[in-house]
Protein backbone atom coordinates (compact mmCIF):
# COMPACT_ATOMS: atom_id res chain seq x y z
CA MET A 1 30.88 -3.28 1.10
CA GLN A 2 27.40 -4.95 1.00
CA LYS A 3 24.56 -2.67 2.59
CA ILE A 4 22.70 -4.23 5.52
CA ARG A 5 19.00 -4.14 5.02
CA CYS A 6 15.84 -5.39 6.83
CA SER A 7 15.98 -9.02 6.85
CA TRP A 8 12.52 -9.40 4.80
CA ALA A 9 14.32 -7.86 1.62
CA GLY A 10 16.78 -10.74 1.36
CA ASN A 11 18.78 -10.79 -1.71
CA ASP A 12 16.17 -10.52 -4.57
CA PRO A 13 17.09 -7.46 -6.54
CA VAL A 14 13.24 -6.33 -7.00
CA TYR A 15 13.03 -6.54 -3.17
CA CYS A 16 16.27 -4.81 -2.58
CA ASP A 17 15.42 -2.03 -4.78
CA TYR A 18 11.94 -1.55 -3.33
CA HIS A 19 13.34 -1.56 0.22
CA ASP A 20 16.11 0.85 -0.69
CA ASN A 21 14.00 3.43 -2.85
CA GLU A 22 10.34 3.07 -1.47
CA TRP A 23 9.59 1.23 1.43
CA GLY A 24 9.27 3.60 4.40
CA ILE A 25 9.81 6.74 2.49
CA PRO A 26 6.98 9.47 2.98
CA VAL A 27 4.63 9.54 0.03
CA HIS A 28 2.42 12.59 -0.35
CA ASP A 29 1.42 11.99 -4.05
CA ASP A 30 -2.19 11.08 -4.54
CA LYS A 31 -1.53 8.78 -7.55
CA LYS A 32 1.33 7.09 -5.54
CA LEU A 33 -0.94 6.61 -2.52
CA PHE A 34 -3.65 5.23 -4.64
CA GLU A 35 -1.28 2.68 -6.41
CA MET A 36 -0.08 1.58 -3.01
CA LEU A 37 -3.68 1.22 -1.44
CA ILE A 38 -4.65 -1.12 -4.38
CA LEU A 39 -1.52 -2.90 -4.57
CA GLU A 40 -1.53 -3.71 -0.66
CA GLY A 41 -5.18 -4.98 -1.45
CA PHE A 42 -4.18 -7.20 -3.98
CA GLN A 43 -1.28 -8.60 -1.72
CA ALA A 44 -3.77 -9.88 0.86
CA GLY A 45 -2.92 -13.68 1.11
CA LEU A 46 0.11 -13.48 -1.08
CA SER A 47 3.73 -12.48 -0.80
CA TRP A 48 4.73 -8.97 -1.66
CA ILE A 49 7.07 -9.95 -4.23
CA THR A 50 4.38 -11.43 -6.12
CA ILE A 51 2.98 -8.10 -6.49
CA LEU A 52 6.23 -6.31 -7.23
CA LYS A 53 6.97 -8.51 -9.96
CA ARG A 54 3.52 -7.80 -11.41
CA ARG A 55 3.63 -4.14 -10.66
CA ASP A 56 4.02 -2.96 -14.35
CA ALA A 57 1.20 -5.12 -15.54
CA PHE A 58 -1.04 -3.80 -12.50
CA ARG A 59 -0.11 -0.24 -13.69
CA ARG A 60 -1.35 -1.05 -17.38
CA ALA A 61 -4.35 -2.89 -16.09
CA PHE A 62 -5.51 0.00 -13.83
CA ALA A 63 -5.08 2.93 -16.22
CA GLN A 64 -1.63 4.06 -15.00
CA TRP A 65 -3.31 4.51 -11.52
CA ASN A 66 -5.94 7.09 -12.75
CA TRP A 67 -8.48 6.58 -10.23
CA LYS A 68 -11.16 8.44 -12.27
CA LYS A 69 -10.62 5.87 -15.06
CA VAL A 70 -10.67 2.99 -12.67
CA ALA A 71 -13.80 4.26 -10.96
CA SER A 72 -15.56 4.18 -14.25
CA PHE A 73 -14.51 0.49 -15.16
CA THR A 74 -17.40 -1.50 -16.21
CA HIS A 75 -18.55 -5.23 -15.80
CA GLU A 76 -16.68 -5.76 -19.08
CA ASP A 77 -13.52 -4.10 -17.76
CA VAL A 78 -13.67 -6.48 -14.65
CA GLU A 79 -14.24 -9.31 -17.01
CA ARG A 80 -11.16 -8.40 -18.98
CA LEU A 81 -9.07 -8.21 -15.95
CA VAL A 82 -10.22 -11.38 -14.50
CA ALA A 83 -8.88 -12.99 -17.65
CA ASP A 84 -5.67 -11.00 -17.62
CA GLU A 85 -2.84 -13.48 -16.58
CA SER A 86 -0.39 -10.79 -15.98
CA ILE A 87 -2.15 -9.48 -12.83
CA ILE A 88 -3.85 -11.22 -9.72
CA ARG A 89 -7.05 -12.54 -11.25
CA ASN A 90 -9.04 -12.33 -8.06
CA ARG A 91 -12.49 -11.13 -8.91
CA LEU A 92 -13.19 -9.94 -5.51
CA LYS A 93 -9.96 -7.84 -5.31
CA ILE A 94 -10.58 -6.63 -8.90
CA GLU A 95 -14.05 -5.25 -8.02
CA ALA A 96 -12.68 -3.96 -4.73
CA ALA A 97 -10.03 -1.70 -6.72
CA VAL A 98 -13.03 -0.26 -8.66
CA LYS A 99 -15.14 0.33 -5.57
CA ASN A 100 -12.04 1.72 -3.76
CA ALA A 101 -11.33 4.26 -6.65
CA LYS A 102 -14.86 5.45 -6.29
CA GLY A 103 -14.28 5.92 -2.59
CA PHE A 104 -10.81 7.79 -3.40
CA ILE A 105 -12.75 10.29 -5.51
CA LYS A 106 -15.17 10.96 -2.76
CA ILE A 107 -12.40 11.57 -0.09
CA ILE A 108 -10.66 13.90 -2.57
CA GLU A 109 -13.90 15.86 -2.91
CA GLU A 110 -14.36 16.00 0.97
CA PHE A 111 -10.61 16.74 1.95
CA GLY A 112 -9.12 18.29 -1.20
CA SER A 113 -6.52 15.31 -1.49
CA PHE A 114 -6.44 11.78 -0.47
CA ASN A 115 -2.93 12.73 0.97
CA THR A 116 -4.66 15.07 3.60
CA TYR A 117 -7.08 12.59 4.60
CA ILE A 118 -4.71 9.56 4.94
CA TRP A 119 -1.80 11.20 6.74
CA SER A 120 -4.26 12.56 9.39
CA PHE A 121 -4.20 9.20 10.89
CA THR A 122 -0.55 9.78 12.01
CA GLY A 123 -0.97 13.38 12.80
CA ASN A 124 0.82 14.10 9.40
CA LYS A 125 3.95 12.87 10.52
CA THR A 126 6.11 9.54 10.11
CA LEU A 127 5.73 7.15 13.28
CA ARG A 128 8.69 5.60 14.64
CA ALA A 129 9.09 3.47 17.70
CA PRO A 130 11.40 4.85 20.47
CA ARG A 131 13.67 2.14 19.58
CA ALA A 132 14.16 0.69 16.26
CA PRO A 133 13.08 -3.02 16.05
CA ARG A 134 15.85 -5.61 16.52
CA VAL A 135 14.16 -8.54 14.76
CA TRP A 136 11.25 -8.58 12.46
CA THR A 137 8.74 -10.15 15.07
CA ASP A 138 9.30 -6.92 16.87
CA VAL A 139 7.25 -5.17 14.25
CA PRO A 140 3.46 -5.01 14.99
CA VAL A 141 1.10 -6.12 12.15
CA MET A 142 -1.47 -3.47 13.03
CA THR A 143 -1.56 -0.52 15.53
CA ALA A 144 -4.38 1.70 16.96
CA GLN A 145 -3.78 4.16 13.87
CA SER A 146 -4.05 1.18 11.19
CA ASP A 147 -7.34 0.06 13.18
CA ALA A 148 -8.77 3.70 12.89
CA MET A 149 -7.81 3.90 9.34
CA SER A 150 -9.24 0.48 8.50
CA LYS A 151 -12.57 1.32 10.25
CA ASP A 152 -12.99 4.75 8.52
CA LEU A 153 -12.21 3.39 4.92
CA LYS A 154 -14.65 0.55 5.60
CA LYS A 155 -17.26 2.99 6.66
CA ARG A 156 -16.50 4.89 3.51
CA GLY A 157 -17.26 1.75 1.54
CA PHE A 158 -13.57 0.58 0.83
CA SER A 159 -12.71 -3.26 0.74
CA PHE A 160 -9.56 -5.09 1.24
CA VAL A 161 -8.55 -2.45 3.88
CA GLY A 162 -8.40 -4.47 7.04
CA SER A 163 -6.05 -3.29 9.83
CA THR A 164 -3.18 -5.39 8.68
CA ILE A 165 -3.58 -4.24 5.16
CA CYS A 166 -3.57 -0.73 6.28
CA TYR A 167 -0.52 -1.22 8.52
CA ALA A 168 1.40 -2.65 5.67
CA PHE A 169 0.27 0.45 3.44
CA MET A 170 1.28 2.87 6.23
CA GLN A 171 4.78 1.17 6.15
CA ALA A 172 4.88 1.36 2.48
CA VAL A 173 4.22 4.97 2.19
CA GLY A 174 6.33 5.95 5.11
CA MET A 175 3.70 6.89 7.46
CA VAL A 176 5.57 4.57 9.88
CA ASP A 177 9.27 3.79 9.87
CA ASP A 178 9.88 0.15 10.90
CA HIS A 179 13.38 -0.29 9.44
CA MET A 180 15.33 -2.72 11.48
CA GLU A 181 18.11 -1.44 14.02
CA THR A 182 20.98 -2.62 11.92
CA CYS A 183 19.41 -1.45 8.47
CA PHE A 184 21.26 1.11 6.69
CA LYS A 185 17.83 3.01 6.44
CA CYS A 186 17.16 3.05 10.12
CA ASN A 187 16.48 6.54 11.32
CA VAL A 188 15.92 5.76 15.09
């Protein structure tokens, strides 16, 4: 019997694997949180499948998600990445990743971990609607929590962290659970 998934997963094996094994599952590991924050920024204006299919290349390009190494990237490193056809070669997004790595370090210094900081926006729990969404249009693209996260990250110097990007990040790392009512992963 075929699993019923959220409609956005479609039939693409990469999407299905991501849906089944990552999306909406709470993440508390700083390295994984850094990866998802950077990837969500790169996704702006593009489809998520574009990012997923280049994920290994992003991992190589961004030092296996070592934020200290990314924070130390030079102008030459940025130029190297702009020329790297295996990733999204958007200069502003690449420069934002470097800047965000520097901000990531400052947050860890202040809060002890990025996890402690970022999960405070949901009261350290996964948020779920009282009723699971029936159709994808029932799912918000931003919330008061993503607005607050975006505002605070921007205040700390982060880029490509608008409220919509923050909400997608929250979905990706399980800070919110937006699985459809008919999805086998639905917890509501």
